[in-house]
């Protein structure tokens, strides 16, 4: 089994982990109702997508 010859330094370890950070999801505002939504998805609040009504959202 392969064993490291030297201890990996903190700098080397942290450089390797530089891309592991969590990023928040991209959120855009719906042009019809102004509610936040994920891009390229139907608005859950008003049911529109690209200026057209594609879902009927019932009032609760």
N, C-alpha and C. Protein backbone atom coordinates (compact mmCIF):
# COMPACT_ATOMS: atom_id res chain seq x y z
N UNK A 1 0.84 -1.18 0.00
CA UNK A 1 0.00 0.00 0.00
C UNK A 1 0.88 1.24 0.00
N UNK A 2 0.50 2.23 -0.78
CA UNK A 2 1.29 3.46 -0.87
C UNK A 2 1.11 4.30 0.39
N UNK A 3 2.23 4.82 0.89
CA UNK A 3 2.22 5.65 2.09
C UNK A 3 2.91 6.96 1.76
N UNK A 4 2.36 8.12 2.16
CA UNK A 4 3.01 9.39 1.87
C UNK A 4 4.38 9.46 2.54
N UNK A 5 5.35 9.98 1.80
CA UNK A 5 6.70 10.09 2.35
C UNK A 5 6.80 11.25 3.34
N UNK A 6 6.05 12.34 3.07
CA UNK A 6 6.08 13.51 3.95
C UNK A 6 4.65 13.94 4.27
N UNK A 7 4.52 14.65 5.38
CA UNK A 7 3.23 15.19 5.79
C UNK A 7 2.80 16.28 4.81
N UNK A 8 1.53 16.26 4.41
CA UNK A 8 1.00 17.31 3.54
C UNK A 8 0.85 18.59 4.35
N UNK A 9 1.43 19.67 3.86
CA UNK A 9 1.39 20.94 4.61
C UNK A 9 -0.02 21.52 4.60
N UNK A 10 -0.28 22.42 5.55
CA UNK A 10 -1.59 23.06 5.63
C UNK A 10 -1.88 23.86 4.37
N UNK A 11 -0.86 24.49 3.83
CA UNK A 11 -1.04 25.29 2.62
C UNK A 11 -1.45 24.41 1.45
N UNK A 12 -0.78 23.28 1.28
CA UNK A 12 -1.09 22.36 0.18
C UNK A 12 -2.49 21.78 0.35
N UNK A 13 -2.84 21.42 1.58
CA UNK A 13 -4.17 20.87 1.87
C UNK A 13 -5.26 21.89 1.57
N UNK A 14 -5.06 23.14 2.00
CA UNK A 14 -6.06 24.17 1.80
C UNK A 14 -6.21 24.56 0.34
N UNK A 15 -5.14 24.51 -0.42
CA UNK A 15 -5.23 24.79 -1.86
C UNK A 15 -6.08 23.74 -2.55
N UNK A 16 -5.97 22.51 -2.12
CA UNK A 16 -6.75 21.43 -2.72
C UNK A 16 -8.24 21.61 -2.40
N UNK A 17 -8.55 22.16 -1.24
CA UNK A 17 -9.93 22.32 -0.81
C UNK A 17 -10.53 23.66 -1.24
N UNK A 18 -9.84 24.39 -2.08
CA UNK A 18 -10.30 25.74 -2.45
C UNK A 18 -11.63 25.71 -3.20
N UNK A 19 -11.98 24.62 -3.87
CA UNK A 19 -13.19 24.56 -4.68
C UNK A 19 -14.35 23.86 -3.95
N UNK A 20 -14.18 23.55 -2.68
CA UNK A 20 -15.19 22.81 -1.94
C UNK A 20 -16.22 23.69 -1.24
N UNK A 21 -16.10 25.00 -1.37
CA UNK A 21 -17.00 25.90 -0.66
C UNK A 21 -18.42 25.78 -1.20
N UNK A 22 -19.40 25.93 -0.32
CA UNK A 22 -20.80 25.90 -0.72
C UNK A 22 -21.20 27.26 -1.29
N UNK A 23 -21.95 27.24 -2.36
CA UNK A 23 -22.41 28.48 -2.97
C UNK A 23 -23.93 28.55 -2.86
N UNK A 24 -24.50 29.70 -2.57
CA UNK A 24 -25.96 29.80 -2.47
C UNK A 24 -26.59 29.65 -3.86
N UNK A 25 -27.83 29.14 -3.93
CA UNK A 25 -28.48 28.99 -5.23
C UNK A 25 -28.78 30.35 -5.85
N UNK A 26 -28.75 30.39 -7.17
CA UNK A 26 -29.08 31.61 -7.91
C UNK A 26 -30.58 31.83 -7.85
N UNK A 27 -30.97 33.03 -7.48
CA UNK A 27 -32.39 33.37 -7.38
C UNK A 27 -32.65 34.61 -8.21
N UNK A 28 -33.70 34.58 -9.03
CA UNK A 28 -34.11 35.73 -9.82
C UNK A 28 -35.53 36.11 -9.43
N UNK A 29 -35.92 37.32 -9.75
CA UNK A 29 -37.28 37.76 -9.45
C UNK A 29 -38.18 37.49 -10.64
N UNK A 30 -39.36 37.01 -10.36
CA UNK A 30 -40.34 36.74 -11.41
C UNK A 30 -40.79 38.07 -12.01
N UNK A 31 -40.77 38.21 -13.34
CA UNK A 31 -41.18 39.48 -13.94
C UNK A 31 -42.68 39.78 -13.77
N UNK A 32 -43.51 38.74 -13.57
CA UNK A 32 -44.96 38.96 -13.43
C UNK A 32 -45.33 39.39 -12.01
N UNK A 33 -44.88 38.63 -11.01
CA UNK A 33 -45.33 38.89 -9.64
C UNK A 33 -44.23 39.43 -8.73
N UNK A 34 -42.98 39.33 -9.15
CA UNK A 34 -41.88 39.87 -8.35
C UNK A 34 -41.39 38.95 -7.25
N UNK A 35 -41.92 37.74 -7.17
CA UNK A 35 -41.47 36.79 -6.15
C UNK A 35 -40.15 36.15 -6.59
N UNK A 36 -39.29 35.78 -5.63
CA UNK A 36 -38.04 35.10 -6.00
C UNK A 36 -38.32 33.69 -6.49
N UNK A 37 -37.56 33.27 -7.51
CA UNK A 37 -37.71 31.92 -8.07
C UNK A 37 -36.38 31.47 -8.63
N UNK A 38 -36.25 30.18 -8.88
CA UNK A 38 -35.05 29.64 -9.51
C UNK A 38 -35.12 29.93 -11.01
N UNK A 39 -33.98 30.22 -11.64
CA UNK A 39 -34.01 30.51 -13.07
C UNK A 39 -34.40 29.27 -13.90
N UNK A 40 -35.05 29.50 -15.01
CA UNK A 40 -35.48 28.46 -15.97
C UNK A 40 -36.49 27.52 -15.37
N UNK A 41 -37.30 28.02 -14.43
CA UNK A 41 -38.35 27.21 -13.82
C UNK A 41 -39.64 28.02 -13.71
N UNK A 42 -40.75 27.32 -13.64
CA UNK A 42 -42.05 27.98 -13.51
C UNK A 42 -42.12 28.63 -12.13
N UNK A 43 -42.68 29.81 -12.08
CA UNK A 43 -42.85 30.52 -10.81
C UNK A 43 -43.90 29.78 -9.99
N UNK A 44 -43.55 29.43 -8.76
CA UNK A 44 -44.47 28.70 -7.89
C UNK A 44 -45.57 29.60 -7.34
N UNK A 45 -45.37 30.90 -7.40
CA UNK A 45 -46.35 31.83 -6.82
C UNK A 45 -47.46 32.16 -7.82
N UNK A 46 -47.07 32.48 -9.08
CA UNK A 46 -48.09 32.89 -10.05
C UNK A 46 -48.28 31.88 -11.19
N UNK A 47 -47.38 30.90 -11.35
CA UNK A 47 -47.53 29.87 -12.37
C UNK A 47 -47.15 30.30 -13.77
N UNK A 48 -46.37 31.35 -13.92
CA UNK A 48 -45.99 31.81 -15.26
C UNK A 48 -44.55 31.40 -15.58
N UNK A 49 -44.30 31.25 -16.86
CA UNK A 49 -42.96 30.95 -17.35
C UNK A 49 -42.78 31.64 -18.70
N UNK A 50 -41.78 32.48 -18.80
CA UNK A 50 -41.45 33.22 -20.02
C UNK A 50 -42.64 34.02 -20.52
N UNK A 51 -43.36 34.66 -19.60
CA UNK A 51 -44.45 35.54 -19.97
C UNK A 51 -45.78 34.87 -20.24
N UNK A 52 -45.84 33.52 -20.11
CA UNK A 52 -47.09 32.81 -20.35
C UNK A 52 -47.54 32.11 -19.07
N UNK A 53 -48.83 31.99 -18.90
CA UNK A 53 -49.40 31.27 -17.76
C UNK A 53 -49.38 29.80 -18.11
N UNK A 54 -48.61 28.98 -17.38
CA UNK A 54 -48.51 27.56 -17.70
C UNK A 54 -49.07 26.68 -16.59
N UNK A 55 -49.26 27.24 -15.38
CA UNK A 55 -49.84 26.47 -14.29
C UNK A 55 -50.97 27.25 -13.65
N UNK A 56 -52.01 26.54 -13.27
CA UNK A 56 -53.08 27.16 -12.52
C UNK A 56 -52.74 26.99 -11.04
N UNK A 57 -52.53 28.08 -10.36
CA UNK A 57 -52.22 28.04 -8.94
C UNK A 57 -53.50 28.34 -8.17
N UNK A 58 -53.95 27.36 -7.40
CA UNK A 58 -55.18 27.51 -6.63
C UNK A 58 -54.94 28.27 -5.33
N UNK A 59 -55.91 29.05 -4.91
CA UNK A 59 -55.81 29.78 -3.66
C UNK A 59 -56.08 28.83 -2.50
N UNK A 60 -55.24 28.88 -1.48
CA UNK A 60 -55.41 27.99 -0.32
C UNK A 60 -56.27 28.62 0.73
